C-alpha atoms as a PDB file:
ATOM      1  CA  UNK A   1      -3.774  18.863 -19.039  1.00  0.00           C
ATOM      2  CA  UNK A   2      -0.294  18.493 -17.480  1.00  0.00           C
ATOM      3  CA  UNK A   3       2.527  17.958 -19.949  1.00  0.00           C
ATOM      4  CA  UNK A   4       4.960  15.052 -19.750  1.00  0.00           C
ATOM      5  CA  UNK A   5       7.674  17.464 -18.605  1.00  0.00           C
ATOM      6  CA  UNK A   6       5.488  18.836 -15.811  1.00  0.00           C
ATOM      7  CA  UNK A   7       4.540  15.338 -14.660  1.00  0.00           C
ATOM      8  CA  UNK A   8       8.182  14.304 -14.559  1.00  0.00           C
ATOM      9  CA  UNK A   9       9.077  17.439 -12.594  1.00  0.00           C
ATOM     10  CA  UNK A  10       6.268  16.795 -10.109  1.00  0.00           C
ATOM     11  CA  UNK A  11       7.550  13.253  -9.587  1.00  0.00           C
ATOM     12  CA  UNK A  12      11.153  14.397  -9.126  1.00  0.00           C
ATOM     13  CA  UNK A  13      10.038  17.095  -6.697  1.00  0.00           C
ATOM     14  CA  UNK A  14       7.793  14.798  -4.654  1.00  0.00           C
ATOM     15  CA  UNK A  15      10.400  12.020  -4.488  1.00  0.00           C
ATOM     16  CA  UNK A  16      13.562  14.045  -3.864  1.00  0.00           C
ATOM     17  CA  UNK A  17      12.952  17.745  -3.141  1.00  0.00           C
ATOM     18  CA  UNK A  18       9.650  18.201  -1.309  1.00  0.00           C
ATOM     19  CA  UNK A  19       9.845  19.788   2.121  1.00  0.00           C
ATOM     20  CA  UNK A  20       8.595  17.774   5.070  1.00  0.00           C
ATOM     21  CA  UNK A  21       4.841  17.997   5.605  1.00  0.00           C
ATOM     22  CA  UNK A  22       4.857  16.257   8.969  1.00  0.00           C
ATOM     23  CA  UNK A  23       3.909  19.484  10.745  1.00  0.00           C
ATOM     24  CA  UNK A  24       0.796  19.625   8.533  1.00  0.00           C
ATOM     25  CA  UNK A  25      -0.033  16.050   9.495  1.00  0.00           C
ATOM     26  CA  UNK A  26       0.267  16.930  13.175  1.00  0.00           C
ATOM     27  CA  UNK A  27      -1.906  20.019  12.744  1.00  0.00           C
ATOM     28  CA  UNK A  28      -4.575  17.931  11.033  1.00  0.00           C
ATOM     29  CA  UNK A  29      -4.780  15.558  13.997  1.00  0.00           C
ATOM     30  CA  UNK A  30      -4.681  18.431  16.480  1.00  0.00           C
ATOM     31  CA  UNK A  31      -7.577  20.110  14.687  1.00  0.00           C
ATOM     32  CA  UNK A  32      -9.579  16.880  14.912  1.00  0.00           C
ATOM     33  CA  UNK A  33      -8.900  16.569  18.636  1.00  0.00           C
ATOM     34  CA  UNK A  34      -9.895  20.194  19.228  1.00  0.00           C
ATOM     35  CA  UNK A  35     -13.129  19.471  17.363  1.00  0.00           C
ATOM     36  CA  UNK A  36     -13.824  16.566  19.761  1.00  0.00           C
ATOM     37  CA  UNK A  37     -13.123  13.747  17.309  1.00  0.00           C
ATOM     38  CA  UNK A  38     -12.290  10.340  18.686  1.00  0.00           C
ATOM     39  CA  UNK A  39      -9.331   9.156  16.592  1.00  0.00           C
ATOM     40  CA  UNK A  40      -9.140   5.381  16.324  1.00  0.00           C
ATOM     41  CA  UNK A  41      -7.859   2.463  14.290  1.00  0.00           C
ATOM     42  CA  UNK A  42      -9.664   0.507  11.600  1.00  0.00           C
ATOM     43  CA  UNK A  43      -9.952  -2.549  13.841  1.00  0.00           C
ATOM     44  CA  UNK A  44     -11.133  -0.548  16.839  1.00  0.00           C
ATOM     45  CA  UNK A  45     -13.789   1.159  14.742  1.00  0.00           C
ATOM     46  CA  UNK A  46     -14.921  -2.147  13.226  1.00  0.00           C
ATOM     47  CA  UNK A  47     -15.298  -3.684  16.670  1.00  0.00           C
ATOM     48  CA  UNK A  48     -17.500  -0.781  17.772  1.00  0.00           C
ATOM     49  CA  UNK A  49     -19.557  -1.105  14.584  1.00  0.00           C
ATOM     50  CA  UNK A  50     -19.921  -4.877  15.067  1.00  0.00           C
ATOM     51  CA  UNK A  51     -20.904  -4.444  18.707  1.00  0.00           C
ATOM     52  CA  UNK A  52     -23.386  -1.701  17.850  1.00  0.00           C
ATOM     53  CA  UNK A  53     -21.626   0.858  20.031  1.00  0.00           C
ATOM     54  CA  UNK A  54     -20.415   3.375  17.441  1.00  0.00           C
ATOM     55  CA  UNK A  55     -22.141   6.315  19.116  1.00  0.00           C
ATOM     56  CA  UNK A  56     -23.793   8.500  16.424  1.00  0.00           C
ATOM     57  CA  UNK A  57     -23.684  11.408  18.859  1.00  0.00           C
ATOM     58  CA  UNK A  58     -19.871  11.317  18.903  1.00  0.00           C
ATOM     59  CA  UNK A  59     -17.421  12.397  16.217  1.00  0.00           C
ATOM     60  CA  UNK A  60     -15.069   9.721  14.910  1.00  0.00           C
ATOM     61  CA  UNK A  61     -11.932   9.912  12.778  1.00  0.00           C
ATOM     62  CA  UNK A  62     -10.584   6.583  11.536  1.00  0.00           C
ATOM     63  CA  UNK A  63      -6.829   6.867  10.906  1.00  0.00           C
ATOM     64  CA  UNK A  64      -5.028   4.395   8.651  1.00  0.00           C
ATOM     65  CA  UNK A  65      -1.371   4.335   7.563  1.00  0.00           C
ATOM     66  CA  UNK A  66      -0.370   2.231   4.533  1.00  0.00           C
ATOM     67  CA  UNK A  67       3.417   1.859   4.642  1.00  0.00           C
ATOM     68  CA  UNK A  68       4.064   1.321   0.937  1.00  0.00           C
ATOM     69  CA  UNK A  69       7.603   2.688   1.285  1.00  0.00           C
ATOM     70  CA  UNK A  70       9.771   4.431   3.885  1.00  0.00           C
ATOM     71  CA  UNK A  71       9.356   2.886   7.368  1.00  0.00           C
ATOM     72  CA  UNK A  72      11.513   5.779   8.659  1.00  0.00           C
ATOM     73  CA  UNK A  73       8.793   8.325   7.954  1.00  0.00           C
ATOM     74  CA  UNK A  74       6.214   5.852   9.249  1.00  0.00           C
ATOM     75  CA  UNK A  75       8.110   5.923  12.539  1.00  0.00           C
ATOM     76  CA  UNK A  76       8.062   9.735  12.551  1.00  0.00           C
ATOM     77  CA  UNK A  77       4.302   9.723  11.967  1.00  0.00           C
ATOM     78  CA  UNK A  78       3.876   7.169  14.745  1.00  0.00           C
ATOM     79  CA  UNK A  79       5.783   9.488  17.070  1.00  0.00           C
ATOM     80  CA  UNK A  80       3.195  12.177  16.330  1.00  0.00           C
ATOM     81  CA  UNK A  81       0.294   9.770  16.886  1.00  0.00           C
ATOM     82  CA  UNK A  82       1.798   8.645  20.184  1.00  0.00           C
ATOM     83  CA  UNK A  83       2.530  12.177  21.370  1.00  0.00           C
ATOM     84  CA  UNK A  84      -1.078  13.168  20.707  1.00  0.00           C
ATOM     85  CA  UNK A  85      -2.405   9.990  22.321  1.00  0.00           C
ATOM     86  CA  UNK A  86      -4.351   8.777  19.282  1.00  0.00           C
ATOM     87  CA  UNK A  87      -4.979   5.227  18.115  1.00  0.00           C
ATOM     88  CA  UNK A  88      -4.310   4.355  14.476  1.00  0.00           C
ATOM     89  CA  UNK A  89      -3.740   1.482  12.054  1.00  0.00           C
ATOM     90  CA  UNK A  90      -0.414   0.696  10.367  1.00  0.00           C
ATOM     91  CA  UNK A  91      -0.280  -1.773   7.472  1.00  0.00           C
ATOM     92  CA  UNK A  92       3.165  -2.977   6.345  1.00  0.00           C
ATOM     93  CA  UNK A  93       4.105  -4.635   3.057  1.00  0.00           C
ATOM     94  CA  UNK A  94       6.633  -7.479   2.984  1.00  0.00           C
ATOM     95  CA  UNK A  95       9.072  -4.959   1.486  1.00  0.00           C
ATOM     96  CA  UNK A  96       8.596  -2.463   4.357  1.00  0.00           C
ATOM     97  CA  UNK A  97       8.550  -4.743   7.387  1.00  0.00           C
ATOM     98  CA  UNK A  98      10.192  -3.085  10.389  1.00  0.00           C
ATOM     99  CA  UNK A  99       9.849  -5.559  13.293  1.00  0.00           C
ATOM    100  CA  UNK A 100      11.090  -3.232  16.046  1.00  0.00           C
ATOM    101  CA  UNK A 101       8.803  -0.403  14.914  1.00  0.00           C
ATOM    102  CA  UNK A 102       5.859  -2.771  14.483  1.00  0.00           C
ATOM    103  CA  UNK A 103       6.334  -4.098  18.026  1.00  0.00           C
ATOM    104  CA  UNK A 104       6.602  -0.558  19.392  1.00  0.00           C
ATOM    105  CA  UNK A 105       3.403   0.555  17.675  1.00  0.00           C
ATOM    106  CA  UNK A 106       1.486  -2.490  18.892  1.00  0.00           C
ATOM    107  CA  UNK A 107       2.793  -2.033  22.439  1.00  0.00           C
ATOM    108  CA  UNK A 108       1.614   1.575  22.258  1.00  0.00           C
ATOM    109  CA  UNK A 109      -1.984   0.457  21.706  1.00  0.00           C
ATOM    110  CA  UNK A 110      -2.312   0.942  17.961  1.00  0.00           C
ATOM    111  CA  UNK A 111      -3.001  -1.627  15.277  1.00  0.00           C
ATOM    112  CA  UNK A 112      -0.278  -3.274  13.180  1.00  0.00           C
ATOM    113  CA  UNK A 113      -1.031  -5.665  10.356  1.00  0.00           C
ATOM    114  CA  UNK A 114      -0.367  -6.788   6.801  1.00  0.00           C
ATOM    115  CA  UNK A 115      -0.558  -4.725   3.589  1.00  0.00           C
ATOM    116  CA  UNK A 116      -0.809  -7.661   1.198  1.00  0.00           C
ATOM    117  CA  UNK A 117      -0.393  -7.947  -2.579  1.00  0.00           C
ATOM    118  CA  UNK A 118      -0.123 -11.617  -3.469  1.00  0.00           C
ATOM    119  CA  UNK A 119      -2.412 -11.489  -6.503  1.00  0.00           C
ATOM    120  CA  UNK A 120      -0.353  -8.735  -8.119  1.00  0.00           C
ATOM    121  CA  UNK A 121       2.819 -10.624  -7.144  1.00  0.00           C
ATOM    122  CA  UNK A 122       1.624 -13.692  -9.037  1.00  0.00           C
ATOM    123  CA  UNK A 123       0.365 -11.556 -11.931  1.00  0.00           C
ATOM    124  CA  UNK A 124       3.737  -9.830 -12.298  1.00  0.00           C
ATOM    125  CA  UNK A 125       5.625 -13.107 -11.989  1.00  0.00           C
ATOM    126  CA  UNK A 126       3.486 -14.733 -14.691  1.00  0.00           C
ATOM    127  CA  UNK A 127       3.032 -11.523 -16.705  1.00  0.00           C
ATOM    128  CA  UNK A 128      -0.730 -11.892 -17.013  1.00  0.00           C
ATOM    129  CA  UNK A 129      -2.539  -9.794 -19.598  1.00  0.00           C
ATOM    130  CA  UNK A 130      -6.173 -10.126 -18.497  1.00  0.00           C
ATOM    131  CA  UNK A 131      -8.206 -10.179 -15.303  1.00  0.00           C
ATOM    132  CA  UNK A 132      -9.465 -13.656 -16.211  1.00  0.00           C
ATOM    133  CA  UNK A 133      -5.865 -14.898 -16.221  1.00  0.00           C
ATOM    134  CA  UNK A 134      -5.379 -13.473 -12.728  1.00  0.00           C
ATOM    135  CA  UNK A 135      -8.628 -14.967 -11.447  1.00  0.00           C
ATOM    136  CA  UNK A 136      -7.618 -18.369 -12.792  1.00  0.00           C
ATOM    137  CA  UNK A 137      -4.479 -18.121 -10.632  1.00  0.00           C
ATOM    138  CA  UNK A 138      -6.416 -17.092  -7.516  1.00  0.00           C
ATOM    139  CA  UNK A 139      -5.694 -20.379  -5.648  1.00  0.00           C
ATOM    140  CA  UNK A 140      -1.962 -19.788  -6.165  1.00  0.00           C
ATOM    141  CA  UNK A 141      -2.274 -16.251  -4.786  1.00  0.00           C
ATOM    142  CA  UNK A 142      -4.348 -17.488  -1.831  1.00  0.00           C
ATOM    143  CA  UNK A 143      -1.761 -20.141  -0.968  1.00  0.00           C
ATOM    144  CA  UNK A 144       0.952 -17.481  -1.051  1.00  0.00           C
ATOM    145  CA  UNK A 145      -1.120 -15.112   1.090  1.00  0.00           C
ATOM    146  CA  UNK A 146      -1.827 -17.812   3.679  1.00  0.00           C
ATOM    147  CA  UNK A 147       1.857 -18.754   3.902  1.00  0.00           C
ATOM    148  CA  UNK A 148       2.987 -15.134   4.236  1.00  0.00           C
ATOM    149  CA  UNK A 149       0.371 -14.338   6.863  1.00  0.00           C
ATOM    150  CA  UNK A 150       1.309 -17.415   8.919  1.00  0.00           C
ATOM    151  CA  UNK A 151       4.965 -16.426   8.780  1.00  0.00           C
ATOM    152  CA  UNK A 152       4.273 -12.821   9.768  1.00  0.00           C
ATOM    153  CA  UNK A 153       2.112 -13.866  12.710  1.00  0.00           C
ATOM    154  CA  UNK A 154       4.767 -16.321  13.870  1.00  0.00           C
ATOM    155  CA  UNK A 155       7.644 -13.834  13.628  1.00  0.00           C
ATOM    156  CA  UNK A 156       5.837 -10.797  15.085  1.00  0.00           C
ATOM    157  CA  UNK A 157       3.447 -12.403  17.558  1.00  0.00           C
ATOM    158  CA  UNK A 158       0.719 -10.064  16.272  1.00  0.00           C
ATOM    159  CA  UNK A 159      -2.823 -11.321  15.504  1.00  0.00           C
ATOM    160  CA  UNK A 160      -3.157  -9.509  12.159  1.00  0.00           C
ATOM    161  CA  UNK A 161      -6.876 -10.229  11.856  1.00  0.00           C
ATOM    162  CA  UNK A 162      -7.550  -6.960  10.013  1.00  0.00           C
ATOM    163  CA  UNK A 163      -5.649  -6.645   6.715  1.00  0.00           C
ATOM    164  CA  UNK A 164      -5.448  -4.126   3.868  1.00  0.00           C
ATOM    165  CA  UNK A 165      -4.790  -4.846   0.202  1.00  0.00           C
ATOM    166  CA  UNK A 166      -2.088  -2.896  -1.610  1.00  0.00           C
ATOM    167  CA  UNK A 167      -2.654  -1.508  -5.102  1.00  0.00           C
ATOM    168  CA  UNK A 168       0.103  -2.004  -7.679  1.00  0.00           C
ATOM    169  CA  UNK A 169       0.465  -0.911 -11.301  1.00  0.00           C
ATOM    170  CA  UNK A 170      -0.507  -4.387 -12.435  1.00  0.00           C
ATOM    171  CA  UNK A 171      -3.800  -4.139 -10.530  1.00  0.00           C
ATOM    172  CA  UNK A 172      -4.618  -0.989 -12.474  1.00  0.00           C
ATOM    173  CA  UNK A 173      -3.496  -2.637 -15.721  1.00  0.00           C
ATOM    174  CA  UNK A 174      -5.674  -5.717 -15.162  1.00  0.00           C
ATOM    175  CA  UNK A 175      -8.471  -3.810 -13.405  1.00  0.00           C
ATOM    176  CA  UNK A 176      -8.587  -6.270 -10.559  1.00  0.00           C
ATOM    177  CA  UNK A 177      -7.762  -5.667  -6.900  1.00  0.00           C
ATOM    178  CA  UNK A 178      -5.738  -7.763  -4.509  1.00  0.00           C
ATOM    179  CA  UNK A 179      -8.689  -7.947  -2.110  1.00  0.00           C
ATOM    180  CA  UNK A 180     -10.359 -10.605  -4.325  1.00  0.00           C
ATOM    181  CA  UNK A 181      -8.019 -13.012  -2.504  1.00  0.00           C
ATOM    182  CA  UNK A 182     -10.320 -12.647   0.513  1.00  0.00           C
ATOM    183  CA  UNK A 183     -13.670 -12.583  -1.299  1.00  0.00           C
ATOM    184  CA  UNK A 184     -14.166 -16.260  -0.401  1.00  0.00           C
ATOM    185  CA  UNK A 185     -15.587 -16.264   3.135  1.00  0.00           C
ATOM    186  CA  UNK A 186     -14.487 -19.843   3.771  1.00  0.00           C
ATOM    187  CA  UNK A 187     -10.906 -18.994   2.867  1.00  0.00           C
ATOM    188  CA  UNK A 188     -11.081 -15.886   5.030  1.00  0.00           C
ATOM    189  CA  UNK A 189     -12.281 -17.951   7.974  1.00  0.00           C
ATOM    190  CA  UNK A 190      -9.556 -20.537   7.427  1.00  0.00           C
ATOM    191  CA  UNK A 191      -6.788 -17.908   7.516  1.00  0.00           C
ATOM    192  CA  UNK A 192      -8.315 -16.061  10.467  1.00  0.00           C
ATOM    193  CA  UNK A 193      -9.103 -12.687   8.895  1.00  0.00           C
ATOM    194  CA  UNK A 194     -12.002 -10.757  10.410  1.00  0.00           C
ATOM    195  CA  UNK A 195     -11.916  -7.675   8.189  1.00  0.00           C
ATOM    196  CA  UNK A 196     -10.467  -6.491   4.909  1.00  0.00           C
ATOM    197  CA  UNK A 197     -10.314  -2.697   4.899  1.00  0.00           C
ATOM    198  CA  UNK A 198     -12.218  -2.543   1.595  1.00  0.00           C
ATOM    199  CA  UNK A 199     -15.146  -4.655   2.829  1.00  0.00           C
ATOM    200  CA  UNK A 200     -18.419  -2.978   1.928  1.00  0.00           C
ATOM    201  CA  UNK A 201     -19.888  -3.892   5.347  1.00  0.00           C
ATOM    202  CA  UNK A 202     -17.200  -1.654   6.834  1.00  0.00           C
ATOM    203  CA  UNK A 203     -17.038   1.136   4.265  1.00  0.00           C
ATOM    204  CA  UNK A 204     -20.769   1.796   4.222  1.00  0.00           C
ATOM    205  CA  UNK A 205     -20.385   3.169   7.744  1.00  0.00           C
ATOM    206  CA  UNK A 206     -17.641   5.535   6.508  1.00  0.00           C
ATOM    207  CA  UNK A 207     -19.091   7.513   3.586  1.00  0.00           C
ATOM    208  CA  UNK A 208     -16.675  10.440   4.049  1.00  0.00           C
ATOM    209  CA  UNK A 209     -13.326   8.988   2.938  1.00  0.00           C
ATOM    210  CA  UNK A 210     -10.046  10.768   2.262  1.00  0.00           C
ATOM    211  CA  UNK A 211      -6.723   9.535   0.894  1.00  0.00           C
ATOM    212  CA  UNK A 212      -3.545  11.541   0.537  1.00  0.00           C
ATOM    213  CA  UNK A 213      -1.970  11.880  -2.898  1.00  0.00           C
ATOM    214  CA  UNK A 214       1.244  12.785  -4.655  1.00  0.00           C
ATOM    215  CA  UNK A 215       2.356  16.371  -5.111  1.00  0.00           C
ATOM    216  CA  UNK A 216       0.879  18.721  -6.224  1.00  0.00           C
ATOM    217  CA  UNK A 217      -2.552  17.403  -5.167  1.00  0.00           C
ATOM    218  CA  UNK A 218      -1.721  16.259  -1.604  1.00  0.00           C
ATOM    219  CA  UNK A 219      -5.291  14.883  -1.277  1.00  0.00           C
ATOM    220  CA  UNK A 220      -7.564  12.974  -3.610  1.00  0.00           C
ATOM    221  CA  UNK A 221     -10.886  14.788  -3.967  1.00  0.00           C
ATOM    222  CA  UNK A 222     -10.762  17.094  -0.935  1.00  0.00           C
ATOM    223  CA  UNK A 223      -8.824  17.804   2.235  1.00  0.00           C
ATOM    224  CA  UNK A 224     -10.174  16.071   5.373  1.00  0.00           C
ATOM    225  CA  UNK A 225      -9.591  19.345   7.235  1.00  0.00           C
ATOM    226  CA  UNK A 226     -12.718  20.601   5.468  1.00  0.00           C
ATOM    227  CA  UNK A 227     -14.752  17.677   6.824  1.00  0.00           C
ATOM    228  CA  UNK A 228     -13.376  18.286  10.318  1.00  0.00           C
ATOM    229  CA  UNK A 229     -14.283  21.972  10.176  1.00  0.00           C
ATOM    230  CA  UNK A 230     -17.770  21.012   8.987  1.00  0.00           C
ATOM    231  CA  UNK A 231     -18.185  18.562  11.882  1.00  0.00           C
ATOM    232  CA  UNK A 232     -18.779  15.526   9.646  1.00  0.00           C
ATOM    233  CA  UNK A 233     -19.704  12.750  12.124  1.00  0.00           C
ATOM    234  CA  UNK A 234     -17.378  10.025  10.767  1.00  0.00           C
ATOM    235  CA  UNK A 235     -14.215  10.827   8.782  1.00  0.00           C
ATOM    236  CA  UNK A 236     -11.926   8.142   7.334  1.00  0.00           C
ATOM    237  CA  UNK A 237      -8.339   9.236   6.600  1.00  0.00           C
ATOM    238  CA  UNK A 238      -5.770   7.100   4.755  1.00  0.00           C
ATOM    239  CA  UNK A 239      -2.162   8.329   4.668  1.00  0.00           C
ATOM    240  CA  UNK A 240       1.087   7.074   3.135  1.00  0.00           C
ATOM    241  CA  UNK A 241       4.476   8.104   4.586  1.00  0.00           C
ATOM    242  CA  UNK A 242       5.879   8.869   1.138  1.00  0.00           C
ATOM    243  CA  UNK A 243       3.512  11.812   0.702  1.00  0.00           C
ATOM    244  CA  UNK A 244       4.610  13.524   3.915  1.00  0.00           C
ATOM    245  CA  UNK A 245       8.408  13.435   3.975  1.00  0.00           C
ATOM    246  CA  UNK A 246      11.120  12.683   1.428  1.00  0.00           C
ATOM    247  CA  UNK A 247      13.372   9.680   1.897  1.00  0.00           C
ATOM    248  CA  UNK A 248      15.566   9.924  -1.184  1.00  0.00           C
ATOM    249  CA  UNK A 249      17.131   6.487  -0.839  1.00  0.00           C
ATOM    250  CA  UNK A 250      13.818   4.694  -0.280  1.00  0.00           C
ATOM    251  CA  UNK A 251      12.153   6.604  -3.117  1.00  0.00           C
ATOM    252  CA  UNK A 252      15.007   5.955  -5.558  1.00  0.00           C
ATOM    253  CA  UNK A 253      14.974   2.256  -4.695  1.00  0.00           C
ATOM    254  CA  UNK A 254      11.202   2.079  -5.166  1.00  0.00           C
ATOM    255  CA  UNK A 255      11.306   4.019  -8.458  1.00  0.00           C
ATOM    256  CA  UNK A 256      13.987   1.713  -9.855  1.00  0.00           C
ATOM    257  CA  UNK A 257      12.092  -1.391  -8.751  1.00  0.00           C
ATOM    258  CA  UNK A 258       8.898  -0.088 -10.336  1.00  0.00           C
ATOM    259  CA  UNK A 259      10.762   0.592 -13.611  1.00  0.00           C
ATOM    260  CA  UNK A 260      12.331  -2.882 -13.660  1.00  0.00           C
ATOM    261  CA  UNK A 261       9.009  -4.559 -12.859  1.00  0.00           C
ATOM    262  CA  UNK A 262       7.307  -2.573 -15.605  1.00  0.00           C
ATOM    263  CA  UNK A 263       9.904  -3.607 -18.171  1.00  0.00           C
ATOM    264  CA  UNK A 264       9.695  -7.253 -17.138  1.00  0.00           C
ATOM    265  CA  UNK A 265       5.911  -7.130 -17.330  1.00  0.00           C
ATOM    266  CA  UNK A 266       6.147  -6.174 -21.006  1.00  0.00           C
ATOM    267  CA  UNK A 267       7.877  -9.458 -21.808  1.00  0.00           C
ATOM    268  CA  UNK A 268       5.778 -12.383 -23.142  1.00  0.00           C
ATOM    269  CA  UNK A 269       3.596 -14.127 -20.529  1.00  0.00           C
ATOM    270  CA  UNK A 270       5.123 -17.011 -18.615  1.00  0.00           C
ATOM    271  CA  UNK A 271       3.452 -20.454 -18.604  1.00  0.00           C
ATOM    272  CA  UNK A 272       1.726 -21.612 -15.394  1.00  0.00           C
ATOM    273  CA  UNK A 273       3.851 -23.372 -12.842  1.00  0.00           C
ATOM    274  CA  UNK A 274       3.724 -27.171 -12.780  1.00  0.00           C
ATOM    275  CA  UNK A 275       1.803 -28.824  -9.973  1.00  0.00           C
END
């Protein structure tokens, strides 16, 4: 069991001292291409699944980037994707929007969309203590999501019909995910969302899933390189820029914000807003 001191050191190292791992990221994609994997976006894969043309005789790697922090490293990873000629998905939070980069990625043939978190935003604002409290405020979170999505579509000109929920500390505390915002199919239709990346209808086609992780793990469960070497037919890889290259300023800002939000969350709950 890691000690508190070791956990703190690991966090300091990963946020401020870790060497760049971008060359490892590039090698991972190169190994997939050498093994004849077709690397594609979430939306592109979903369209092939929906159309019944996901060829079981081919190898597929679904590549997703969640830009929780550090658009600068996201741009560096996009440069690698573009140089290798692969298609991928890039989901930006409101706090990491980078309009020029988003336009460049979309123009390059990859997918750009919204990494949303409105339920946790409302939960933090109101300092909810239970999942039932959060569910009771679901209409408020849905209204906020719809307004944010409309604004993002208007300002970027991007369709954003495939979206990905972000996980925050409050989601873990309440044991409820942001994707419940889109559990209502009527609401989803009204806001024009075709796919949420955690939809079971999508994930059941991708049983071999991999997500990167903080130092010293690097990967949750196991490295996708093992699946590529084994020739697993469909491999799903989720990456976050923060785990591949240090941006000290972005990491310090995010760490401070997380600390402040955590302290505020410990205050007594706030009453619901008036209609």
